[in-house]
Amino acid sequence: MIPDSERRHHGRLRCSLLRCQLGTILDFSARGARIRCRRREPKVGEMILLRIHCLELAVKAWVEVVWVQRLGLMRYELGVRFTEVNTQLGGKLNEIARIAVDRHLLAKAPAE
């Protein structure tokens, strides 16, 4: 169960082609992300320098793990919160999210 203090306050964007060193980023917001990973179990409260990339763009951001859900053997889904977002980093995160969402919408568009 996610504590009320950690519940999302910003809308999430579903993304495709958005990755990090932990695994696949499933959705993304101004305050954090939901990630599916295969590796050791991340711990709540753990600080990670996340390397987010989508096609030719990449950005590094410090995140804190706020929740972890085990999906199976060495498979986890986790929620992270961006911790030190300044104007420059915020702009880069917005740009990478825009590209990832555009790709997601193109992938879902019906064939003509």
C-alpha atoms as a PDB file:
ATOM      1  CA  MET A   1       0.000   0.000   0.000  1.00  0.00           C
ATOM      2  CA  ILE A   2       1.347   3.434  -0.941  1.00  0.00           C
ATOM      3  CA  PRO A   3       1.268   5.945   1.950  1.00  0.00           C
ATOM      4  CA  ASP A   4      -0.910   9.052   1.363  1.00  0.00           C
ATOM      5  CA  SER A   5       2.200  11.239   1.547  1.00  0.00           C
ATOM      6  CA  GLU A   6       3.639   9.360  -1.457  1.00  0.00           C
ATOM      7  CA  ARG A   7       0.521   9.270  -3.643  1.00  0.00           C
ATOM      8  CA  ARG A   8       0.865  11.047  -6.958  1.00  0.00           C
ATOM      9  CA  HIS A   9       0.034  14.717  -7.186  1.00  0.00           C
ATOM     10  CA  HIS A  10       0.860  15.176 -10.894  1.00  0.00           C
ATOM     11  CA  GLY A  11      -0.563  13.454 -13.954  1.00  0.00           C
ATOM     12  CA  ARG A  12       1.417  10.581 -15.408  1.00  0.00           C
ATOM     13  CA  LEU A  13       2.334  10.177 -19.061  1.00  0.00           C
ATOM     14  CA  ARG A  14       2.504   6.685 -20.518  1.00  0.00           C
ATOM     15  CA  CYS A  15       5.695   6.378 -22.510  1.00  0.00           C
ATOM     16  CA  SER A  16       7.396   4.038 -24.922  1.00  0.00           C
ATOM     17  CA  LEU A  17      11.089   3.825 -25.734  1.00  0.00           C
ATOM     18  CA  LEU A  18      11.915   5.450 -22.400  1.00  0.00           C
ATOM     19  CA  ARG A  19      14.608   3.499 -20.550  1.00  0.00           C
ATOM     20  CA  CYS A  20      17.017   3.814 -17.655  1.00  0.00           C
ATOM     21  CA  GLN A  21      19.773   1.654 -16.191  1.00  0.00           C
ATOM     22  CA  LEU A  22      17.194  -0.090 -13.977  1.00  0.00           C
ATOM     23  CA  GLY A  23      14.875  -1.097 -16.829  1.00  0.00           C
ATOM     24  CA  THR A  24      11.819   0.223 -18.652  1.00  0.00           C
ATOM     25  CA  ILE A  25      10.096   3.428 -17.570  1.00  0.00           C
ATOM     26  CA  LEU A  26       6.365   2.696 -17.757  1.00  0.00           C
ATOM     27  CA  ASP A  27       5.102   6.173 -16.981  1.00  0.00           C
ATOM     28  CA  PHE A  28       6.543   9.518 -16.097  1.00  0.00           C
ATOM     29  CA  SER A  29       5.500  12.773 -14.387  1.00  0.00           C
ATOM     30  CA  ALA A  30       7.005  16.056 -13.220  1.00  0.00           C
ATOM     31  CA  ARG A  31       7.712  14.504  -9.807  1.00  0.00           C
ATOM     32  CA  GLY A  32       8.655  10.909 -10.565  1.00  0.00           C
ATOM     33  CA  ALA A  33       8.329   7.718 -12.576  1.00  0.00           C
ATOM     34  CA  ARG A  34       7.203   4.107 -12.431  1.00  0.00           C
ATOM     35  CA  ILE A  35       9.871   1.628 -13.527  1.00  0.00           C
ATOM     36  CA  ARG A  36       9.838  -2.117 -14.227  1.00  0.00           C
ATOM     37  CA  CYS A  37      13.209  -3.664 -13.499  1.00  0.00           C
ATOM     38  CA  ARG A  38      15.107  -6.949 -13.325  1.00  0.00           C
ATOM     39  CA  ARG A  39      17.902  -6.782 -10.802  1.00  0.00           C
ATOM     40  CA  ARG A  40      18.394  -6.824  -7.066  1.00  0.00           C
ATOM     41  CA  GLU A  41      15.430  -5.528  -5.107  1.00  0.00           C
ATOM     42  CA  PRO A  42      15.629  -1.747  -4.704  1.00  0.00           C
ATOM     43  CA  LYS A  43      15.014  -0.537  -1.164  1.00  0.00           C
ATOM     44  CA  VAL A  44      12.515   2.157  -0.199  1.00  0.00           C
ATOM     45  CA  GLY A  45      14.478   5.311   0.627  1.00  0.00           C
ATOM     46  CA  GLU A  46      17.416   4.328  -1.611  1.00  0.00           C
ATOM     47  CA  MET A  47      18.886   7.233  -3.609  1.00  0.00           C
ATOM     48  CA  ILE A  48      19.841   6.446  -7.225  1.00  0.00           C
ATOM     49  CA  LEU A  49      21.420   8.584  -9.950  1.00  0.00           C
ATOM     50  CA  LEU A  50      19.007   7.612 -12.724  1.00  0.00           C
ATOM     51  CA  ARG A  51      20.221   7.785 -16.337  1.00  0.00           C
ATOM     52  CA  ILE A  52      17.086   8.282 -18.451  1.00  0.00           C
ATOM     53  CA  HIS A  53      17.329   7.943 -22.218  1.00  0.00           C
ATOM     54  CA  CYS A  54      15.010   7.998 -25.202  1.00  0.00           C
ATOM     55  CA  LEU A  55      16.483   7.726 -28.688  1.00  0.00           C
ATOM     56  CA  GLU A  56      19.235  10.375 -28.926  1.00  0.00           C
ATOM     57  CA  LEU A  57      18.354  12.269 -25.720  1.00  0.00           C
ATOM     58  CA  ALA A  58      19.646  11.409 -22.260  1.00  0.00           C
ATOM     59  CA  VAL A  59      19.452  13.017 -18.831  1.00  0.00           C
ATOM     60  CA  LYS A  60      20.691  12.151 -15.341  1.00  0.00           C
ATOM     61  CA  ALA A  61      18.573  12.854 -12.278  1.00  0.00           C
ATOM     62  CA  TRP A  62      18.719  11.878  -8.607  1.00  0.00           C
ATOM     63  CA  VAL A  63      15.679   9.891  -7.505  1.00  0.00           C
ATOM     64  CA  GLU A  64      14.480   8.355  -4.276  1.00  0.00           C
ATOM     65  CA  VAL A  65      12.721   4.981  -4.306  1.00  0.00           C
ATOM     66  CA  VAL A  66       9.321   5.539  -2.644  1.00  0.00           C
ATOM     67  CA  TRP A  67       7.696   2.134  -3.174  1.00  0.00           C
ATOM     68  CA  VAL A  68       8.614  -1.332  -4.477  1.00  0.00           C
ATOM     69  CA  GLN A  69       6.314  -4.129  -5.633  1.00  0.00           C
ATOM     70  CA  ARG A  70       7.695  -7.589  -6.329  1.00  0.00           C
ATOM     71  CA  LEU A  71       6.303  -9.064  -9.565  1.00  0.00           C
ATOM     72  CA  GLY A  72       8.174 -12.364  -9.529  1.00  0.00           C
ATOM     73  CA  LEU A  73      11.665 -13.798  -9.285  1.00  0.00           C
ATOM     74  CA  MET A  74      14.081 -10.845  -9.718  1.00  0.00           C
ATOM     75  CA  ARG A  75      11.262  -8.733 -11.246  1.00  0.00           C
ATOM     76  CA  TYR A  76      10.087  -5.545  -9.584  1.00  0.00           C
ATOM     77  CA  GLU A  77       8.028  -2.474 -10.251  1.00  0.00           C
ATOM     78  CA  LEU A  78       9.005   0.640  -8.343  1.00  0.00           C
ATOM     79  CA  GLY A  79       8.004   4.238  -7.921  1.00  0.00           C
ATOM     80  CA  VAL A  80      10.699   6.891  -7.757  1.00  0.00           C
ATOM     81  CA  ARG A  81      10.558  10.583  -6.901  1.00  0.00           C
ATOM     82  CA  PHE A  82      12.876  13.161  -8.481  1.00  0.00           C
ATOM     83  CA  THR A  83      14.739  14.887  -5.645  1.00  0.00           C
ATOM     84  CA  GLU A  84      16.765  17.790  -7.042  1.00  0.00           C
ATOM     85  CA  VAL A  85      14.883  19.258 -10.003  1.00  0.00           C
ATOM     86  CA  ASN A  86      16.105  22.700 -11.040  1.00  0.00           C
ATOM     87  CA  THR A  87      14.914  24.699 -14.070  1.00  0.00           C
ATOM     88  CA  GLN A  88      17.496  23.175 -16.428  1.00  0.00           C
ATOM     89  CA  LEU A  89      16.782  19.579 -15.383  1.00  0.00           C
ATOM     90  CA  GLY A  90      13.030  20.235 -15.481  1.00  0.00           C
ATOM     91  CA  GLY A  91      13.334  21.434 -19.082  1.00  0.00           C
ATOM     92  CA  LYS A  92      15.299  18.325 -20.081  1.00  0.00           C
ATOM     93  CA  LEU A  93      12.795  16.023 -18.366  1.00  0.00           C
ATOM     94  CA  ASN A  94       9.926  17.775 -20.178  1.00  0.00           C
ATOM     95  CA  GLU A  95      11.701  17.393 -23.527  1.00  0.00           C
ATOM     96  CA  ILE A  96      12.465  13.710 -23.046  1.00  0.00           C
ATOM     97  CA  ALA A  97       8.874  13.062 -21.866  1.00  0.00           C
ATOM     98  CA  ARG A  98       7.452  14.866 -24.912  1.00  0.00           C
ATOM     99  CA  ILE A  99       9.491  12.711 -27.293  1.00  0.00           C
ATOM    100  CA  ALA A 100       8.605   9.496 -25.442  1.00  0.00           C
ATOM    101  CA  VAL A 101       4.882  10.334 -25.423  1.00  0.00           C
ATOM    102  CA  ASP A 102       4.951  11.276 -29.137  1.00  0.00           C
ATOM    103  CA  ARG A 103       6.561   7.896 -29.911  1.00  0.00           C
ATOM    104  CA  HIS A 104       3.964   6.144 -27.764  1.00  0.00           C
ATOM    105  CA  LEU A 105       1.104   7.851 -29.610  1.00  0.00           C
ATOM    106  CA  LEU A 106       2.641   6.998 -33.001  1.00  0.00           C
ATOM    107  CA  ALA A 107       3.013   3.356 -31.972  1.00  0.00           C
ATOM    108  CA  LYS A 108      -0.680   3.250 -30.944  1.00  0.00           C
ATOM    109  CA  ALA A 109      -2.004   5.053 -34.063  1.00  0.00           C
ATOM    110  CA  PRO A 110      -4.129   2.913 -36.404  1.00  0.00           C
ATOM    111  CA  ALA A 111      -2.543   1.984 -39.733  1.00  0.00           C
ATOM    112  CA  GLU A 112      -3.956   3.786 -42.749  1.00  0.00           C
END
